[in-house]
C-alpha cells in the first residue's frame, strides 16, 4: 500500500508537466484516479524497483490526463490484466493508442446495458403494469426466461447438438481455421481488436443453425498477447463472473500451435485460403474436395503480414470473396471482419446466393476511426498524444544522471586546426634567406 501512495503522490507532481486545464473538479480527482490504481497483487508482482515505481507513476499520469481530456467516465476500470498489458507497453504512441482503443470500445458498447437505462426501463414497465397493461419483459411476463448461466448452458446444448447432427448426416461445413501466425507481431490495439473479433466470431457461430467447427492455428502467444486473449476469449477462459467454475465447451474453438494443414489433418489441395488481396474470386460452385477454409487474423496492409504470402508459403490456393459484384465501394473498406466473412462463407458452402449475405455484412459497416468519431475527438487525441510525448521527453531529460551531465560539460573543446599563412616551401626559403 505504501508503494501505491508514493505512486499517487508522484502522479500529482507529474500532472504539472502536462500543463492542461483539468476537466474534473479537484474533489473528484482522487476518487477517479484511485479507481484506476492497480491492486496490491499487481504491485507485489511488478513493482520491485524504484524505476518500476517511477514508471507506474508516469503511466498513472497518462491515464489521469486522458480522463481529464475525454471525461472521467471515458475509460473502463483497469483490472490487473489491463494493467499488465499497459505496464508492458513501452512505446508512448502505442500506449496512447491503447487508451484510445479502450475509450472507443467503451463508447461503442450498447447503451442499453447501463444500470441507468435498466432502471428507467423497469420504472416504465411497472407503470404499465399498474395501469393494467400486459408487460412482456424480464421479471414481468415471459413465456421462457433464460438468463445468465442458464442461458449459456441451453445454448451450449443446442450448439453441440447441431454440430453432432450435421456430422451424423454428413452435412458438415468445412472446418473453419483462423490463421494467427501474425498476431503476436502486432501492436496492443490491433491484437485487442482481433481478439474481440475472434470472440464475436464464436458468439455468432455459437447461435447459428449451421455452425462451423473452428480451430485457431499457428497460435503462439507471448506474455502480452496471452493477457489480452484472457480478457476477451470467454469461450476458452470463461466470463469474469464464472471463471472459478468454468469449463470450456467440448466443441468450442480449439487453440493449437500447429500449422494449418496439420491442424486440419488434410492435404493443402483440400484447403481454401480467403484473402481480400487474392487475385481469383471464389468459384461459383464450392469445390467438392474442400474440407477446410482459412481466414487470416491480419489487416493485410503490410508485406510482412500478407495473407496471400502466408497461403503461398503453405502451398494453399488463395481466393477472394466477390464483394465488388454486390456492393458499391465509395468510402467503405473492403476488409470484412472475421465474423462477417464466416457468415458469407456459410451461405457460400450452403449453396445460397452470395448477394444477400454480402449486402447484409455491409448494412452497418465498421467505419474508420475518422468516420466514427468527429474531428473534435481526433484533435483531442492528437493533442493528448503530443503532450504525453513532450512531457515524457522532458522528464527523461531531467532524469539524466548528474555524473553524465558533468562528463558532457567537462569534455575538452575541440581545437581549431592551425592554418599557416605561408606554405612549407615558402617558410623554408624564408629561413634560408635569413641565414644568409
Foldseek 3Di string as FASTA:
>chain_A
DVLQVVLVVLLVVLLVLLPDDFQDDPVCLVVLLVQQDEDPVLCVVQVDDVVLSVLSSLLSNLVSVVCRLVNSPQADRDYSLNVVLLSPDDDLVLNLVVRVLRSVVVVPPDPCPDPVNVVVVVVVQVVCVVVVHQDDDPPGDDPDDADDPRVVVVLLVLQVVLQVVCVVVVNADAAEEEECQCLQVDGPSLLLVLLQLVQVLQVVLSNDSHHHQYEYELDDHDPSSVSSNCQRNCQPQNHPVCNVPDDHRPRGYYYDNHDPCVVRVHDLAQEEEEDQPADAAADQAHDPSHRYYYYYSDPCPDPVRHSCVVCVVSVHHYHYHPLVVQDDDDQADPDAGPNLVVQLVVCRNVNHDSNVSSVVSVPPGDHDPPVVDDPVVVVSSVSSSVSSVVSVVVVVVVPPDPVVVVVVVPDDDDDDDDDDPDDPVVVVVVVVVVVD
